[in-house]
PDB file of N, CA and C in Angstrom:
ATOM      1  N   UNK A   1      35.695-127.190 147.527  1.00  0.00           N
ATOM      2  CA  UNK A   1      36.664-126.144 147.284  1.00  0.00           C
ATOM      3  C   UNK A   1      35.921-124.900 146.813  1.00  0.00           C
ATOM      4  N   UNK A   2      36.410-123.751 147.270  1.00  0.00           N
ATOM      5  CA  UNK A   2      35.762-122.478 146.963  1.00  0.00           C
ATOM      6  C   UNK A   2      36.681-121.611 146.112  1.00  0.00           C
ATOM      7  N   UNK A   3      36.085-120.962 145.122  1.00  0.00           N
ATOM      8  CA  UNK A   3      36.835-120.111 144.202  1.00  0.00           C
ATOM      9  C   UNK A   3      36.254-118.710 144.191  1.00  0.00           C
ATOM     10  N   UNK A   4      37.148-117.725 144.123  1.00  0.00           N
ATOM     11  CA  UNK A   4      36.743-116.342 143.933  1.00  0.00           C
ATOM     12  C   UNK A   4      37.400-115.875 142.632  1.00  0.00           C
ATOM     13  N   UNK A   5      36.579-115.385 141.714  1.00  0.00           N
ATOM     14  CA  UNK A   5      37.059-115.013 140.379  1.00  0.00           C
ATOM     15  C   UNK A   5      37.304-113.515 140.295  1.00  0.00           C
ATOM     16  N   UNK A   6      38.515-113.166 139.886  1.00  0.00           N
ATOM     17  CA  UNK A   6      38.890-111.781 139.636  1.00  0.00           C
ATOM     18  C   UNK A   6      38.068-111.260 138.446  1.00  0.00           C
ATOM     19  N   UNK A   7      38.025-109.967 138.260  1.00  0.00           N
ATOM     20  CA  UNK A   7      37.141-109.338 137.273  1.00  0.00           C
ATOM     21  C   UNK A   7      37.256-109.876 135.840  1.00  0.00           C
ATOM     22  N   UNK A   8      38.432-110.172 135.301  1.00  0.00           N
ATOM     23  CA  UNK A   8      38.467-110.642 133.908  1.00  0.00           C
ATOM     24  C   UNK A   8      37.880-112.046 133.702  1.00  0.00           C
ATOM     25  N   UNK A   9      37.660-112.779 134.785  1.00  0.00           N
ATOM     26  CA  UNK A   9      37.106-114.131 134.669  1.00  0.00           C
ATOM     27  C   UNK A   9      35.595-114.015 134.479  1.00  0.00           C
ATOM     28  N   UNK A  10      35.094-114.692 133.464  1.00  0.00           N
ATOM     29  CA  UNK A  10      33.682-114.594 133.085  1.00  0.00           C
ATOM     30  C   UNK A  10      32.743-115.191 134.136  1.00  0.00           C
ATOM     31  N   UNK A  11      31.546-114.608 134.270  1.00  0.00           N
ATOM     32  CA  UNK A  11      30.530-115.223 135.126  1.00  0.00           C
ATOM     33  C   UNK A  11      30.178-116.630 134.654  1.00  0.00           C
ATOM     34  N   UNK A  12      30.356-116.889 133.363  1.00  0.00           N
ATOM     35  CA  UNK A  12      30.061-118.240 132.859  1.00  0.00           C
ATOM     36  C   UNK A  12      31.044-119.262 133.419  1.00  0.00           C
ATOM     37  N   UNK A  13      32.236-118.834 133.761  1.00  0.00           N
ATOM     38  CA  UNK A  13      33.194-119.757 134.381  1.00  0.00           C
ATOM     39  C   UNK A  13      32.788-120.071 135.817  1.00  0.00           C
ATOM     40  N   UNK A  14      32.343-119.081 136.567  1.00  0.00           N
ATOM     41  CA  UNK A  14      31.887-119.381 137.928  1.00  0.00           C
ATOM     42  C   UNK A  14      30.635-120.247 137.890  1.00  0.00           C
ATOM     43  N   UNK A  15      29.744-119.991 136.951  1.00  0.00           N
ATOM     44  CA  UNK A  15      28.554-120.838 136.797  1.00  0.00           C
ATOM     45  C   UNK A  15      28.957-122.267 136.455  1.00  0.00           C
ATOM     46  N   UNK A  16      29.949-122.413 135.577  1.00  0.00           N
ATOM     47  CA  UNK A  16      30.439-123.728 135.187  1.00  0.00           C
ATOM     48  C   UNK A  16      31.003-124.474 136.403  1.00  0.00           C
ATOM     49  N   UNK A  17      31.828-123.802 137.191  1.00  0.00           N
ATOM     50  CA  UNK A  17      32.393-124.442 138.383  1.00  0.00           C
ATOM     51  C   UNK A  17      31.303-124.828 139.376  1.00  0.00           C
ATOM     52  N   UNK A  18      30.304-123.968 139.536  1.00  0.00           N
ATOM     53  CA  UNK A  18      29.183-124.305 140.412  1.00  0.00           C
ATOM     54  C   UNK A  18      28.446-125.543 139.912  1.00  0.00           C
ATOM     55  N   UNK A  19      28.318-125.684 138.596  1.00  0.00           N
ATOM     56  CA  UNK A  19      27.638-126.862 138.030  1.00  0.00           C
ATOM     57  C   UNK A  19      28.433-128.145 138.274  1.00  0.00           C
ATOM     58  N   UNK A  20      29.740-128.013 138.490  1.00  0.00           N
ATOM     59  CA  UNK A  20      30.589-129.173 138.793  1.00  0.00           C
ATOM     60  C   UNK A  20      30.609-129.488 140.293  1.00  0.00           C
ATOM     61  N   UNK A  21      29.900-128.682 141.077  1.00  0.00           N
ATOM     62  CA  UNK A  21      29.820-128.930 142.511  1.00  0.00           C
ATOM     63  C   UNK A  21      30.759-128.092 143.365  1.00  0.00           C
ATOM     64  N   UNK A  22      31.485-127.185 142.733  1.00  0.00           N
ATOM     65  CA  UNK A  22      32.357-126.278 143.481  1.00  0.00           C
ATOM     66  C   UNK A  22      31.553-125.052 143.906  1.00  0.00           C
ATOM     67  N   UNK A  23      32.099-124.285 144.814  1.00  0.00           N
ATOM     68  CA  UNK A  23      31.502-123.026 145.254  1.00  0.00           C
ATOM     69  C   UNK A  23      32.326-121.907 144.621  1.00  0.00           C
ATOM     70  N   UNK A  24      31.771-121.241 143.623  1.00  0.00           N
ATOM     71  CA  UNK A  24      32.508-120.201 142.901  1.00  0.00           C
ATOM     72  C   UNK A  24      31.701-118.913 142.859  1.00  0.00           C
ATOM     73  N   UNK A  25      32.389-117.804 143.163  1.00  0.00           N
ATOM     74  CA  UNK A  25      31.762-116.482 143.127  1.00  0.00           C
ATOM     75  C   UNK A  25      32.704-115.519 142.417  1.00  0.00           C
ATOM     76  N   UNK A  26      32.135-114.414 141.961  1.00  0.00           N
ATOM     77  CA  UNK A  26      32.939-113.342 141.361  1.00  0.00           C
ATOM     78  C   UNK A  26      33.041-112.196 142.357  1.00  0.00           C
ATOM     79  N   UNK A  27      34.032-111.359 142.160  1.00  0.00           N
ATOM     80  CA  UNK A  27      34.188-110.200 143.036  1.00  0.00           C
ATOM     81  C   UNK A  27      32.919-109.358 143.059  1.00  0.00           C
ATOM     82  N   UNK A  28      32.269-109.224 141.909  1.00  0.00           N
ATOM     83  CA  UNK A  28      31.001-108.475 141.826  1.00  0.00           C
ATOM     84  C   UNK A  28      29.973-109.015 142.810  1.00  0.00           C
ATOM     85  N   UNK A  29      29.897-110.349 142.904  1.00  0.00           N
ATOM     86  CA  UNK A  29      28.912-110.991 143.778  1.00  0.00           C
ATOM     87  C   UNK A  29      29.126-110.611 145.242  1.00  0.00           C
ATOM     88  N   UNK A  30      30.358-110.261 145.573  1.00  0.00           N
ATOM     89  CA  UNK A  30      30.715-109.943 146.958  1.00  0.00           C
ATOM     90  C   UNK A  30      30.797-108.443 147.214  1.00  0.00           C
ATOM     91  N   UNK A  31      30.428-107.644 146.202  1.00  0.00           N
ATOM     92  CA  UNK A  31      30.525-106.196 146.336  1.00  0.00           C
ATOM     93  C   UNK A  31      31.962-105.702 146.354  1.00  0.00           C
ATOM     94  N   UNK A  32      32.857-106.462 145.695  1.00  0.00           N
ATOM     95  CA  UNK A  32      34.284-106.134 145.714  1.00  0.00           C
ATOM     96  C   UNK A  32      34.820-105.812 144.319  1.00  0.00           C
ATOM     97  N   UNK A  33      33.973-105.300 143.454  1.00  0.00           N
ATOM     98  CA  UNK A  33      34.366-105.030 142.066  1.00  0.00           C
ATOM     99  C   UNK A  33      35.608-104.153 141.970  1.00  0.00           C
ATOM    100  N   UNK A  34      35.733-103.174 142.838  1.00  0.00           N
ATOM    101  CA  UNK A  34      36.853-102.227 142.769  1.00  0.00           C
ATOM    102  C   UNK A  34      37.913-102.493 143.839  1.00  0.00           C
ATOM    103  N   UNK A  35      37.888-103.676 144.432  1.00  0.00           N
ATOM    104  CA  UNK A  35      38.830-103.989 145.510  1.00  0.00           C
ATOM    105  C   UNK A  35      40.263-104.065 144.992  1.00  0.00           C
ATOM    106  N   UNK A  36      41.190-103.625 145.809  1.00  0.00           N
ATOM    107  CA  UNK A  36      42.620-103.747 145.519  1.00  0.00           C
ATOM    108  C   UNK A  36      43.030-105.209 145.685  1.00  0.00           C
ATOM    109  N   UNK A  37      44.117-105.584 145.012  1.00  0.00           N
ATOM    110  CA  UNK A  37      44.589-106.968 145.082  1.00  0.00           C
ATOM    111  C   UNK A  37      44.833-107.414 146.521  1.00  0.00           C
ATOM    112  N   UNK A  38      45.390-106.541 147.347  1.00  0.00           N
ATOM    113  CA  UNK A  38      45.658-106.882 148.750  1.00  0.00           C
ATOM    114  C   UNK A  38      44.366-107.205 149.501  1.00  0.00           C
ATOM    115  N   UNK A  39      43.299-106.462 149.206  1.00  0.00           N
ATOM    116  CA  UNK A  39      42.007-106.719 149.841  1.00  0.00           C
ATOM    117  C   UNK A  39      41.447-108.067 149.406  1.00  0.00           C
ATOM    118  N   UNK A  40      41.623-108.387 148.134  1.00  0.00           N
ATOM    119  CA  UNK A  40      41.143-109.668 147.604  1.00  0.00           C
ATOM    120  C   UNK A  40      41.894-110.815 148.270  1.00  0.00           C
ATOM    121  N   UNK A  41      43.200-110.672 148.399  1.00  0.00           N
ATOM    122  CA  UNK A  41      44.003-111.707 149.057  1.00  0.00           C
ATOM    123  C   UNK A  41      43.546-111.901 150.498  1.00  0.00           C
ATOM    124  N   UNK A  42      43.352-110.823 151.218  1.00  0.00           N
ATOM    125  CA  UNK A  42      42.924-110.915 152.617  1.00  0.00           C
ATOM    126  C   UNK A  42      41.553-111.587 152.730  1.00  0.00           C
ATOM    127  N   UNK A  43      40.620-111.193 151.869  1.00  0.00           N
ATOM    128  CA  UNK A  43      39.288-111.801 151.896  1.00  0.00           C
ATOM    129  C   UNK A  43      39.378-113.298 151.592  1.00  0.00           C
ATOM    130  N   UNK A  44      40.154-113.654 150.582  1.00  0.00           N
ATOM    131  CA  UNK A  44      40.301-115.066 150.210  1.00  0.00           C
ATOM    132  C   UNK A  44      40.928-115.862 151.354  1.00  0.00           C
ATOM    133  N   UNK A  45      41.908-115.305 152.027  1.00  0.00           N
ATOM    134  CA  UNK A  45      42.535-115.980 153.185  1.00  0.00           C
ATOM    135  C   UNK A  45      41.520-116.195 154.295  1.00  0.00           C
ATOM    136  N   UNK A  46      40.769-115.162 154.610  1.00  0.00           N
ATOM    137  CA  UNK A  46      39.815-115.239 155.720  1.00  0.00           C
ATOM    138  C   UNK A  46      38.681-116.219 155.447  1.00  0.00           C
ATOM    139  N   UNK A  47      38.307-116.374 154.176  1.00  0.00           N
ATOM    140  CA  UNK A  47      37.148-117.194 153.829  1.00  0.00           C
ATOM    141  C   UNK A  47      37.514-118.463 153.065  1.00  0.00           C
ATOM    142  N   UNK A  48      38.797-118.791 153.015  1.00  0.00           N
ATOM    143  CA  UNK A  48      39.303-120.033 152.413  1.00  0.00           C
ATOM    144  C   UNK A  48      38.925-120.185 150.937  1.00  0.00           C
ATOM    145  N   UNK A  49      39.131-119.119 150.174  1.00  0.00           N
ATOM    146  CA  UNK A  49      38.902-119.144 148.728  1.00  0.00           C
ATOM    147  C   UNK A  49      40.216-119.323 147.982  1.00  0.00           C
ATOM    148  N   UNK A  50      40.132-119.943 146.812  1.00  0.00           N
ATOM    149  CA  UNK A  50      41.210-119.955 145.831  1.00  0.00           C
ATOM    150  C   UNK A  50      40.907-118.823 144.859  1.00  0.00           C
ATOM    151  N   UNK A  51      41.877-117.978 144.582  1.00  0.00           N
ATOM    152  CA  UNK A  51      41.686-116.865 143.651  1.00  0.00           C
ATOM    153  C   UNK A  51      41.963-117.341 142.233  1.00  0.00           C
ATOM    154  N   UNK A  52      41.074-117.017 141.303  1.00  0.00           N
ATOM    155  CA  UNK A  52      41.295-117.254 139.871  1.00  0.00           C
ATOM    156  C   UNK A  52      41.477-115.897 139.207  1.00  0.00           C
ATOM    157  N   UNK A  53      42.529-115.758 138.413  1.00  0.00           N
ATOM    158  CA  UNK A  53      42.846-114.450 137.851  1.00  0.00           C
ATOM    159  C   UNK A  53      43.667-114.576 136.578  1.00  0.00           C
ATOM    160  N   UNK A  54      43.837-113.461 135.910  1.00  0.00           N
ATOM    161  CA  UNK A  54      44.779-113.349 134.799  1.00  0.00           C
ATOM    162  C   UNK A  54      45.869-112.336 135.154  1.00  0.00           C
ATOM    163  N   UNK A  55      45.849-111.883 136.387  1.00  0.00           N
ATOM    164  CA  UNK A  55      46.726-110.830 136.895  1.00  0.00           C
ATOM    165  C   UNK A  55      47.945-111.441 137.583  1.00  0.00           C
ATOM    166  N   UNK A  56      49.123-111.180 137.046  1.00  0.00           N
ATOM    167  CA  UNK A  56      50.356-111.731 137.606  1.00  0.00           C
ATOM    168  C   UNK A  56      50.733-111.104 138.946  1.00  0.00           C
ATOM    169  N   UNK A  57      50.145-109.977 139.285  1.00  0.00           N
ATOM    170  CA  UNK A  57      50.496-109.288 140.528  1.00  0.00           C
ATOM    171  C   UNK A  57      50.232-110.129 141.777  1.00  0.00           C
ATOM    172  N   UNK A  58      49.250-111.010 141.715  1.00  0.00           N
ATOM    173  CA  UNK A  58      48.907-111.802 142.899  1.00  0.00           C
ATOM    174  C   UNK A  58      50.086-112.658 143.362  1.00  0.00           C
ATOM    175  N   UNK A  59      50.777-113.287 142.431  1.00  0.00           N
ATOM    176  CA  UNK A  59      51.933-114.101 142.794  1.00  0.00           C
ATOM    177  C   UNK A  59      53.008-113.285 143.485  1.00  0.00           C
ATOM    178  N   UNK A  60      53.269-112.104 142.963  1.00  0.00           N
ATOM    179  CA  UNK A  60      54.266-111.224 143.562  1.00  0.00           C
ATOM    180  C   UNK A  60      53.878-110.775 144.958  1.00  0.00           C
ATOM    181  N   UNK A  61      52.610-110.460 145.147  1.00  0.00           N
ATOM    182  CA  UNK A  61      52.146-110.031 146.467  1.00  0.00           C
ATOM    183  C   UNK A  61      52.249-111.153 147.489  1.00  0.00           C
ATOM    184  N   UNK A  62      51.894-112.367 147.087  1.00  0.00           N
ATOM    185  CA  UNK A  62      52.006-113.505 148.003  1.00  0.00           C
ATOM    186  C   UNK A  62      53.462-113.754 148.380  1.00  0.00           C
ATOM    187  N   UNK A  63      54.356-113.633 147.402  1.00  0.00           N
ATOM    188  CA  UNK A  63      55.786-113.827 147.662  1.00  0.00           C
ATOM    189  C   UNK A  63      56.323-112.723 148.573  1.00  0.00           C
ATOM    190  N   UNK A  64      55.951-111.487 148.300  1.00  0.00           N
ATOM    191  CA  UNK A  64      56.422-110.344 149.082  1.00  0.00           C
ATOM    192  C   UNK A  64      56.029-110.464 150.553  1.00  0.00           C
ATOM    193  N   UNK A  65      54.821-110.947 150.787  1.00  0.00           N
ATOM    194  CA  UNK A  65      54.312-111.076 152.157  1.00  0.00           C
ATOM    195  C   UNK A  65      54.630-112.436 152.775  1.00  0.00           C
ATOM    196  N   UNK A  66      55.277-113.333 152.003  1.00  0.00           N
ATOM    197  CA  UNK A  66      55.641-114.673 152.475  1.00  0.00           C
ATOM    198  C   UNK A  66      54.416-115.451 152.971  1.00  0.00           C
ATOM    199  N   UNK A  67      53.321-115.357 152.214  1.00  0.00           N
ATOM    200  CA  UNK A  67      52.068-115.995 152.602  1.00  0.00           C
ATOM    201  C   UNK A  67      51.991-117.427 152.081  1.00  0.00           C
ATOM    202  N   UNK A  68      51.336-118.291 152.849  1.00  0.00           N
ATOM    203  CA  UNK A  68      51.121-119.672 152.416  1.00  0.00           C
ATOM    204  C   UNK A  68      49.700-119.890 151.909  1.00  0.00           C
ATOM    205  N   UNK A  69      48.849-118.911 152.072  1.00  0.00           N
ATOM    206  CA  UNK A  69      47.474-118.929 151.578  1.00  0.00           C
ATOM    207  C   UNK A  69      47.099-117.498 151.222  1.00  0.00           C
ATOM    208  N   UNK A  70      46.201-117.266 150.324  1.00  0.00           N
ATOM    209  CA  UNK A  70      45.374-118.215 149.593  1.00  0.00           C
ATOM    210  C   UNK A  70      46.109-118.771 148.376  1.00  0.00           C
ATOM    211  N   UNK A  71      45.605-119.883 147.886  1.00  0.00           N
ATOM    212  CA  UNK A  71      46.106-120.391 146.612  1.00  0.00           C
ATOM    213  C   UNK A  71      45.567-119.514 145.494  1.00  0.00           C
ATOM    214  N   UNK A  72      46.303-119.495 144.384  1.00  0.00           N
ATOM    215  CA  UNK A  72      45.916-118.672 143.236  1.00  0.00           C
ATOM    216  C   UNK A  72      46.092-119.483 141.965  1.00  0.00           C
ATOM    217  N   UNK A  73      45.103-119.420 141.086  1.00  0.00           N
ATOM    218  CA  UNK A  73      45.226-119.951 139.728  1.00  0.00           C
ATOM    219  C   UNK A  73      45.373-118.749 138.811  1.00  0.00           C
ATOM    220  N   UNK A  74      46.483-118.709 138.077  1.00  0.00           N
ATOM    221  CA  UNK A  74      46.740-117.614 137.139  1.00  0.00           C
ATOM    222  C   UNK A  74      46.667-118.172 135.723  1.00  0.00           C
ATOM    223  N   UNK A  75      45.770-117.627 134.916  1.00  0.00           N
ATOM    224  CA  UNK A  75      45.639-118.040 133.516  1.00  0.00           C
ATOM    225  C   UNK A  75      46.537-117.164 132.656  1.00  0.00           C
ATOM    226  N   UNK A  76      47.433-117.796 131.907  1.00  0.00           N
ATOM    227  CA  UNK A  76      48.324-117.090 130.977  1.00  0.00           C
ATOM    228  C   UNK A  76      48.097-117.689 129.596  1.00  0.00           C
ATOM    229  N   UNK A  77      46.986-117.345 129.000  1.00  0.00           N
ATOM    230  CA  UNK A  77      46.582-117.919 127.720  1.00  0.00           C
ATOM    231  C   UNK A  77      46.540-116.832 126.657  1.00  0.00           C
ATOM    232  N   UNK A  78      46.992-117.163 125.459  1.00  0.00           N
ATOM    233  CA  UNK A  78      46.925-116.202 124.355  1.00  0.00           C
ATOM    234  C   UNK A  78      45.484-115.880 124.001  1.00  0.00           C
ATOM    235  N   UNK A  79      44.628-116.877 124.092  1.00  0.00           N
ATOM    236  CA  UNK A  79      43.226-116.722 123.737  1.00  0.00           C
ATOM    237  C   UNK A  79      42.374-117.220 124.906  1.00  0.00           C
ATOM    238  N   UNK A  80      42.119-116.357 125.893  1.00  0.00           N
ATOM    239  CA  UNK A  80      41.415-116.796 127.097  1.00  0.00           C
ATOM    240  C   UNK A  80      39.887-116.820 126.954  1.00  0.00           C
ATOM    241  N   UNK A  81      39.409-117.537 125.959  1.00  0.00           N
ATOM    242  CA  UNK A  81      37.962-117.658 125.770  1.00  0.00           C
ATOM    243  C   UNK A  81      37.358-118.472 126.914  1.00  0.00           C
ATOM    244  N   UNK A  82      36.121-118.181 127.231  1.00  0.00           N
ATOM    245  CA  UNK A  82      35.431-118.843 128.333  1.00  0.00           C
ATOM    246  C   UNK A  82      35.409-120.357 128.140  1.00  0.00           C
ATOM    247  N   UNK A  83      35.042-120.815 126.953  1.00  0.00           N
ATOM    248  CA  UNK A  83      34.955-122.259 126.711  1.00  0.00           C
ATOM    249  C   UNK A  83      36.302-122.934 126.936  1.00  0.00           C
ATOM    250  N   UNK A  84      37.361-122.273 126.542  1.00  0.00           N
ATOM    251  CA  UNK A  84      38.713-122.837 126.717  1.00  0.00           C
ATOM    252  C   UNK A  84      39.094-122.900 128.197  1.00  0.00           C
ATOM    253  N   UNK A  85      38.847-121.837 128.924  1.00  0.00           N
ATOM    254  CA  UNK A  85      39.140-121.826 130.360  1.00  0.00           C
ATOM    255  C   UNK A  85      38.336-122.904 131.070  1.00  0.00           C
ATOM    256  N   UNK A  86      37.060-123.017 130.738  1.00  0.00           N
ATOM    257  CA  UNK A  86      36.216-124.019 131.379  1.00  0.00           C
ATOM    258  C   UNK A  86      36.707-125.433 131.090  1.00  0.00           C
ATOM    259  N   UNK A  87      37.105-125.688 129.864  1.00  0.00           N
ATOM    260  CA  UNK A  87      37.619-127.009 129.499  1.00  0.00           C
ATOM    261  C   UNK A  87      38.907-127.317 130.267  1.00  0.00           C
ATOM    262  N   UNK A  88      39.794-126.355 130.340  1.00  0.00           N
ATOM    263  CA  UNK A  88      41.045-126.551 131.086  1.00  0.00           C
ATOM    264  C   UNK A  88      40.746-126.847 132.553  1.00  0.00           C
ATOM    265  N   UNK A  89      39.841-126.089 133.147  1.00  0.00           N
ATOM    266  CA  UNK A  89      39.488-126.331 134.546  1.00  0.00           C
ATOM    267  C   UNK A  89      38.910-127.726 134.733  1.00  0.00           C
ATOM    268  N   UNK A  90      38.039-128.127 133.840  1.00  0.00           N
ATOM    269  CA  UNK A  90      37.440-129.462 133.935  1.00  0.00           C
ATOM    270  C   UNK A  90      38.513-130.545 133.853  1.00  0.00           C
ATOM    271  N   UNK A  91      39.479-130.361 132.970  1.00  0.00           N
ATOM    272  CA  UNK A  91      40.533-131.359 132.769  1.00  0.00           C
ATOM    273  C   UNK A  91      41.583-131.345 133.877  1.00  0.00           C
ATOM    274  N   UNK A  92      41.874-130.195 134.455  1.00  0.00           N
ATOM    275  CA  UNK A  92      43.031-130.063 135.349  1.00  0.00           C
ATOM    276  C   UNK A  92      42.719-129.945 136.839  1.00  0.00           C
ATOM    277  N   UNK A  93      41.498-129.588 137.204  1.00  0.00           N
ATOM    278  CA  UNK A  93      41.231-129.306 138.616  1.00  0.00           C
ATOM    279  C   UNK A  93      41.526-130.486 139.533  1.00  0.00           C
ATOM    280  N   UNK A  94      41.145-131.686 139.127  1.00  0.00           N
ATOM    281  CA  UNK A  94      41.412-132.837 139.992  1.00  0.00           C
ATOM    282  C   UNK A  94      42.910-133.039 140.197  1.00  0.00           C
ATOM    283  N   UNK A  95      43.698-132.757 139.165  1.00  0.00           N
ATOM    284  CA  UNK A  95      45.153-132.932 139.258  1.00  0.00           C
ATOM    285  C   UNK A  95      45.798-131.925 140.206  1.00  0.00           C
ATOM    286  N   UNK A  96      45.238-130.734 140.280  1.00  0.00           N
ATOM    287  CA  UNK A  96      45.865-129.676 141.088  1.00  0.00           C
ATOM    288  C   UNK A  96      45.122-129.410 142.398  1.00  0.00           C
ATOM    289  N   UNK A  97      44.063-130.146 142.656  1.00  0.00           N
ATOM    290  CA  UNK A  97      43.224-129.874 143.825  1.00  0.00           C
ATOM    291  C   UNK A  97      44.015-129.937 145.131  1.00  0.00           C
ATOM    292  N   UNK A  98      44.841-130.952 145.304  1.00  0.00           N
ATOM    293  CA  UNK A  98      45.614-131.066 146.544  1.00  0.00           C
ATOM    294  C   UNK A  98      46.602-129.908 146.686  1.00  0.00           C
ATOM    295  N   UNK A  99      47.217-129.518 145.570  1.00  0.00           N
ATOM    296  CA  UNK A  99      48.128-128.364 145.604  1.00  0.00           C
ATOM    297  C   UNK A  99      47.393-127.110 146.059  1.00  0.00           C
ATOM    298  N   UNK A 100      46.176-126.928 145.563  1.00  0.00           N
ATOM    299  CA  UNK A 100      45.392-125.750 145.932  1.00  0.00           C
ATOM    300  C   UNK A 100      45.001-125.792 147.407  1.00  0.00           C
ATOM    301  N   UNK A 101      44.696-126.978 147.914  1.00  0.00           N
ATOM    302  CA  UNK A 101      44.306-127.103 149.320  1.00  0.00           C
ATOM    303  C   UNK A 101      45.462-126.789 150.262  1.00  0.00           C
ATOM    304  N   UNK A 102      46.678-127.148 149.867  1.00  0.00           N
ATOM    305  CA  UNK A 102      47.825-126.944 150.755  1.00  0.00           C
ATOM    306  C   UNK A 102      48.461-125.569 150.603  1.00  0.00           C
ATOM    307  N   UNK A 103      48.128-124.861 149.527  1.00  0.00           N
ATOM    308  CA  UNK A 103      48.651-123.518 149.304  1.00  0.00           C
ATOM    309  C   UNK A 103      49.665-123.472 148.187  1.00  0.00           C
ATOM    310  N   UNK A 104      49.224-123.047 147.009  1.00  0.00           N
ATOM    311  CA  UNK A 104      50.097-123.004 145.832  1.00  0.00           C
ATOM    312  C   UNK A 104      49.657-121.910 144.873  1.00  0.00           C
ATOM    313  N   UNK A 105      50.607-121.514 144.040  1.00  0.00           N
ATOM    314  CA  UNK A 105      50.288-120.707 142.871  1.00  0.00           C
ATOM    315  C   UNK A 105      50.324-121.659 141.688  1.00  0.00           C
ATOM    316  N   UNK A 106      49.228-121.731 140.958  1.00  0.00           N
ATOM    317  CA  UNK A 106      49.133-122.595 139.782  1.00  0.00           C
ATOM    318  C   UNK A 106      49.034-121.692 138.563  1.00  0.00           C
ATOM    319  N   UNK A 107      49.982-121.836 137.664  1.00  0.00           N
ATOM    320  CA  UNK A 107      49.993-121.027 136.445  1.00  0.00           C
ATOM    321  C   UNK A 107      49.603-121.928 135.285  1.00  0.00           C
ATOM    322  N   UNK A 108      48.488-121.592 134.651  1.00  0.00           N
ATOM    323  CA  UNK A 108      47.987-122.371 133.524  1.00  0.00           C
ATOM    324  C   UNK A 108      48.346-121.635 132.246  1.00  0.00           C
ATOM    325  N   UNK A 109      49.220-122.264 131.461  1.00  0.00           N
ATOM    326  CA  UNK A 109      49.683-121.696 130.200  1.00  0.00           C
ATOM    327  C   UNK A 109      49.118-122.521 129.052  1.00  0.00           C
ATOM    328  N   UNK A 110      49.470-122.136 127.844  1.00  0.00           N
ATOM    329  CA  UNK A 110      48.939-122.803 126.652  1.00  0.00           C
ATOM    330  C   UNK A 110      49.110-124.319 126.687  1.00  0.00           C
ATOM    331  N   UNK A 111      50.325-124.772 126.993  1.00  0.00           N
ATOM    332  CA  UNK A 111      50.600-126.198 126.872  1.00  0.00           C
ATOM    333  C   UNK A 111      51.166-126.825 128.135  1.00  0.00           C
ATOM    334  N   UNK A 112      51.070-126.116 129.250  1.00  0.00           N
ATOM    335  CA  UNK A 112      51.553-126.700 130.491  1.00  0.00           C
ATOM    336  C   UNK A 112      50.920-126.022 131.694  1.00  0.00           C
ATOM    337  N   UNK A 113      51.042-126.715 132.810  1.00  0.00           N
ATOM    338  CA  UNK A 113      50.576-126.196 134.089  1.00  0.00           C
ATOM    339  C   UNK A 113      51.770-126.233 135.040  1.00  0.00           C
ATOM    340  N   UNK A 114      52.064-125.084 135.644  1.00  0.00           N
ATOM    341  CA  UNK A 114      53.163-125.004 136.610  1.00  0.00           C
ATOM    342  C   UNK A 114      52.593-124.780 138.002  1.00  0.00           C
ATOM    343  N   UNK A 115      53.169-125.465 138.978  1.00  0.00           N
ATOM    344  CA  UNK A 115      52.719-125.345 140.358  1.00  0.00           C
ATOM    345  C   UNK A 115      53.899-124.901 141.214  1.00  0.00           C
ATOM    346  N   UNK A 116      53.689-123.840 141.978  1.00  0.00           N
ATOM    347  CA  UNK A 116      54.693-123.350 142.935  1.00  0.00           C
ATOM    348  C   UNK A 116      54.064-123.382 144.318  1.00  0.00           C
ATOM    349  N   UNK A 117      54.651-124.162 145.190  1.00  0.00           N
ATOM    350  CA  UNK A 117      54.142-124.276 146.549  1.00  0.00           C
ATOM    351  C   UNK A 117      54.396-122.975 147.312  1.00  0.00           C
ATOM    352  N   UNK A 118      53.416-122.576 148.105  1.00  0.00           N
ATOM    353  CA  UNK A 118      53.547-121.388 148.946  1.00  0.00           C
ATOM    354  C   UNK A 118      54.042-121.784 150.334  1.00  0.00           C
ATOM    355  N   UNK A 119      54.754-120.942 151.047  1.00  0.00           N
ATOM    356  CA  UNK A 119      55.226-119.636 150.608  1.00  0.00           C
ATOM    357  C   UNK A 119      56.398-119.764 149.644  1.00  0.00           C
ATOM    358  N   UNK A 120      56.565-118.735 148.837  1.00  0.00           N
ATOM    359  CA  UNK A 120      57.646-118.724 147.846  1.00  0.00           C
ATOM    360  C   UNK A 120      58.879-118.114 148.489  1.00  0.00           C
TER     361      UNK A 120
END
C-alpha cells in the first residue's frame, strides 16, 4: 500500500510507515509542496496512493466529484503529535487496510475510527 502525506504530516511518519514495509512519501518529496487539493487528489488517483491529511476539505472534494478513489485518512486529533499518529497507524492500519484498498474515507479521532465507503 502506498501513502502520500499532506504537508502537516511529519516526515517522521512517512519514515515510520516505510519502516513497516509501506511505501510512503510526502508532497515535498514529489515537488508538490504548494499543490492544490484537487491536484493532490488527481495525482493520488493516477498513482494509487492513499492520502494522509488533517485537512477536512479532501472528503468534501471527493464527495462533490463522486469519486471512488483515492482513499483518504483524515486525522482529527486534539494533540496530533508524531508519536501518537505513528502509534495509531501501527495499531489501526491492518484493520482499515481493506477499506483503503476498495476506496474509503477513514477519519481517525481521539477515541474512534470512522470509515465511509466511497463514493459518498
